[in-house]
Amino acid sequence: MNDQPAVQLECPAPASREDLFACLAGLAIETTTREHPPVFTVEEARALRGEIPGAHCKNLFLKDKNDVLWLIVCLEDRRVDLKALPARIGSGRLSFGRPELLRRILGIDPGAVTPFALINAPPGSVNVVLDAEMMRHDLVNYHPLENCATTTISPADLLKFIRSCGHDPKIIGLS
């Protein structure tokens, strides 16, 4: 994992949803996307998403005390203890990244945090942690850079996408 501070970097021109889908198609990654009203919390997503197959996930954009950036991707019902997490992932004390930092590095707004936003992050600028239990599902679901849709992808293809963006994710048991 890259343990260098990343807050100096920035996303020059954020990718659109169409850019993301073109990137996925270029990697021969199949996905399905379902539109829905914008959602900002796991609870809203549960109420509005309808019958979308696969594991539903949440994403935490974090910064440690050394300004190292982290994206934690896990099952939506996973309780993440920010005090215990540093020992599991090898970080300093963690806090949520500010909206300005989220926009500058991942090119997205709060409520739309997703591993697909790594398309915008400079290679190696964000330490990516994927929940091992989440990765055992056949399908996983994330916002496609906007919180008004849900895109379904296989865990293997998610890994392929993240690595194609220049990031080397860790798969860690977060339970």
Protein backbone atom coordinates (compact mmCIF):
# COMPACT_ATOMS: atom_id res chain seq x y z
CA MET A 1 0.00 0.00 0.00
CA ASN A 2 1.10 3.52 -0.63
CA ASP A 3 1.64 5.29 2.66
CA GLN A 4 2.61 8.66 1.18
CA PRO A 5 0.38 11.66 1.85
CA ALA A 6 -1.99 12.17 -1.05
CA VAL A 7 -3.74 15.43 -0.23
CA GLN A 8 -1.47 17.40 -2.59
CA LEU A 9 -2.78 15.50 -5.62
CA GLU A 10 -5.98 16.21 -7.43
CA CYS A 11 -8.35 14.84 -9.99
CA PRO A 12 -7.90 17.07 -13.09
CA ALA A 13 -11.25 16.52 -14.83
CA PRO A 14 -13.57 14.02 -13.19
CA ALA A 15 -14.89 11.18 -15.32
CA SER A 16 -18.58 11.14 -16.13
CA ARG A 17 -20.77 8.10 -15.74
CA GLU A 18 -20.46 7.60 -19.51
CA ASP A 19 -16.65 7.72 -19.20
CA LEU A 20 -16.83 5.08 -16.46
CA PHE A 21 -19.02 2.79 -18.55
CA ALA A 22 -16.70 3.23 -21.55
CA CYS A 23 -13.72 2.30 -19.34
CA LEU A 24 -15.52 -0.80 -18.05
CA ALA A 25 -16.48 -1.81 -21.60
CA GLY A 26 -12.87 -1.31 -22.71
CA LEU A 27 -11.81 -3.74 -19.99
CA ALA A 28 -14.47 -6.24 -21.17
CA ILE A 29 -16.27 -5.88 -17.83
CA GLU A 30 -20.00 -6.52 -17.88
CA THR A 31 -22.22 -4.57 -15.51
CA THR A 32 -25.89 -3.75 -15.14
CA THR A 33 -27.15 -0.42 -13.86
CA ARG A 34 -30.50 0.47 -12.38
CA GLU A 35 -31.68 4.07 -12.03
CA HIS A 36 -33.38 5.26 -8.81
CA PRO A 37 -33.94 8.53 -6.96
CA PRO A 38 -30.79 9.98 -5.33
CA VAL A 39 -29.86 8.32 -2.03
CA PHE A 40 -27.48 9.59 0.64
CA THR A 41 -27.57 6.89 3.31
CA VAL A 42 -27.68 3.10 3.49
CA GLU A 43 -31.22 3.36 4.86
CA GLU A 44 -32.40 5.45 1.90
CA ALA A 45 -30.73 3.03 -0.51
CA ARG A 46 -32.49 0.05 1.06
CA ALA A 47 -35.87 1.77 0.71
CA LEU A 48 -35.44 2.91 -2.89
CA ARG A 49 -33.30 0.41 -4.73
CA GLY A 50 -35.94 -2.22 -5.38
CA GLU A 51 -34.89 -5.77 -6.22
CA ILE A 52 -31.26 -5.45 -7.28
CA PRO A 53 -29.37 -8.77 -7.02
CA GLY A 54 -26.06 -9.06 -5.20
CA ALA A 55 -24.47 -7.64 -2.06
CA HIS A 56 -25.13 -4.01 -1.33
CA CYS A 57 -22.16 -2.06 -0.08
CA LYS A 58 -21.03 1.13 1.59
CA ASN A 59 -17.87 3.11 1.10
CA LEU A 60 -15.93 5.23 3.58
CA PHE A 61 -13.49 7.90 2.36
CA LEU A 62 -11.06 8.41 5.22
CA LYS A 63 -7.87 10.31 5.98
CA ASP A 64 -5.41 9.29 8.66
CA LYS A 65 -3.41 11.55 10.97
CA ASN A 66 -0.54 11.55 8.45
CA ASP A 67 -2.86 12.73 5.62
CA VAL A 68 -2.80 9.30 3.99
CA LEU A 69 -6.08 8.61 2.19
CA TRP A 70 -8.14 5.44 2.54
CA LEU A 71 -11.21 4.06 0.78
CA ILE A 72 -12.89 1.32 2.83
CA VAL A 73 -15.41 -0.72 0.80
CA CYS A 74 -17.59 -3.14 2.74
CA LEU A 75 -21.00 -4.71 3.07
CA GLU A 76 -23.69 -2.14 3.83
CA ASP A 77 -24.50 -3.61 7.23
CA ARG A 78 -20.86 -3.86 8.35
CA ARG A 79 -20.21 -1.87 11.52
CA VAL A 80 -16.86 -0.14 11.04
CA ASP A 81 -15.15 0.94 14.26
CA LEU A 82 -12.87 3.85 13.29
CA LYS A 83 -10.91 3.45 16.53
CA ALA A 84 -10.12 -0.24 15.90
CA LEU A 85 -9.72 0.01 12.12
CA PRO A 86 -6.18 1.48 12.08
CA ALA A 87 -4.76 -1.66 13.72
CA ARG A 88 -6.46 -3.84 11.07
CA ILE A 89 -5.33 -1.82 8.05
CA GLY A 90 -2.02 -0.36 9.24
CA SER A 91 -3.03 3.30 9.26
CA GLY A 92 -2.78 6.16 11.67
CA ARG A 93 -5.85 7.47 13.52
CA LEU A 94 -8.70 7.88 11.00
CA SER A 95 -11.31 10.53 10.34
CA PHE A 96 -13.71 11.12 7.46
CA GLY A 97 -12.28 13.02 4.52
CA ARG A 98 -13.85 16.44 4.04
CA PRO A 99 -16.16 16.99 1.06
CA GLU A 100 -13.60 19.30 -0.60
CA LEU A 101 -10.95 16.57 -0.38
CA LEU A 102 -13.40 13.99 -1.72
CA ARG A 103 -14.14 16.21 -4.72
CA ARG A 104 -10.47 17.05 -5.28
CA ILE A 105 -9.17 13.46 -5.16
CA LEU A 106 -12.09 11.27 -6.26
CA GLY A 107 -14.03 13.84 -8.28
CA ILE A 108 -17.38 12.99 -6.65
CA ASP A 109 -19.80 14.52 -4.18
CA PRO A 110 -20.65 13.21 -0.70
CA GLY A 111 -23.31 10.52 -0.96
CA ALA A 112 -21.77 9.12 -4.14
CA VAL A 113 -18.62 7.53 -2.66
CA THR A 114 -17.81 4.42 -4.67
CA PRO A 115 -14.81 2.35 -5.72
CA PHE A 116 -15.69 3.42 -9.29
CA ALA A 117 -14.42 6.91 -8.34
CA LEU A 118 -10.90 5.48 -8.36
CA ILE A 119 -11.06 6.19 -12.11
CA ASN A 120 -10.45 9.81 -11.06
CA ALA A 121 -7.79 9.29 -8.38
CA PRO A 122 -4.12 9.53 -9.31
CA PRO A 123 -2.57 6.02 -9.26
CA GLY A 124 -1.54 4.97 -5.77
CA SER A 125 -3.04 8.09 -4.15
CA VAL A 126 -5.68 6.21 -2.16
CA ASN A 127 -5.21 3.06 -0.10
CA VAL A 128 -8.11 0.77 -1.01
CA VAL A 129 -9.40 -1.80 1.47
CA LEU A 130 -12.02 -4.31 0.34
CA ASP A 131 -14.00 -6.32 2.87
CA ALA A 132 -13.14 -10.02 2.43
CA GLU A 133 -16.72 -11.13 3.13
CA MET A 134 -18.03 -8.72 0.49
CA MET A 135 -15.60 -10.17 -2.05
CA ARG A 136 -17.05 -13.67 -1.54
CA HIS A 137 -20.40 -12.64 -3.03
CA ASP A 138 -21.21 -13.40 -6.68
CA LEU A 139 -22.24 -9.79 -7.36
CA VAL A 140 -21.63 -6.47 -5.59
CA ASN A 141 -23.31 -3.08 -6.02
CA TYR A 142 -22.02 0.51 -6.04
CA HIS A 143 -23.02 3.92 -7.32
CA PRO A 144 -21.65 4.70 -10.80
CA LEU A 145 -20.15 8.08 -9.71
CA GLU A 146 -23.63 9.43 -8.96
CA ASN A 147 -26.02 8.43 -6.20
CA CYS A 148 -29.04 8.18 -8.51
CA ALA A 149 -28.18 4.71 -9.84
CA THR A 150 -26.70 1.39 -8.72
CA THR A 151 -24.27 -0.63 -10.82
CA THR A 152 -23.84 -4.37 -10.31
CA ILE A 153 -20.43 -5.98 -10.99
CA SER A 154 -18.64 -9.20 -10.05
CA PRO A 155 -15.95 -8.94 -7.36
CA ALA A 156 -13.32 -10.24 -9.82
CA ASP A 157 -14.22 -7.51 -12.30
CA LEU A 158 -14.18 -4.91 -9.52
CA LEU A 159 -10.59 -5.93 -8.75
CA LYS A 160 -9.72 -5.78 -12.44
CA PHE A 161 -11.16 -2.25 -12.67
CA ILE A 162 -9.43 -0.97 -9.51
CA ARG A 163 -6.06 -2.34 -10.64
CA SER A 164 -6.53 -0.83 -14.11
CA CYS A 165 -6.82 2.56 -12.38
CA GLY A 166 -3.38 2.11 -10.79
CA HIS A 167 -4.48 1.08 -7.29
CA ASP A 168 -3.53 -2.11 -5.46
CA PRO A 169 -6.35 -2.99 -3.08
CA LYS A 170 -5.98 -5.03 0.09
CA ILE A 171 -8.66 -7.60 0.86
CA ILE A 172 -9.09 -7.73 4.64
CA GLY A 173 -11.64 -9.31 6.96
CA LEU A 174 -13.40 -6.38 8.58
CA SER A 175 -15.86 -8.35 10.74
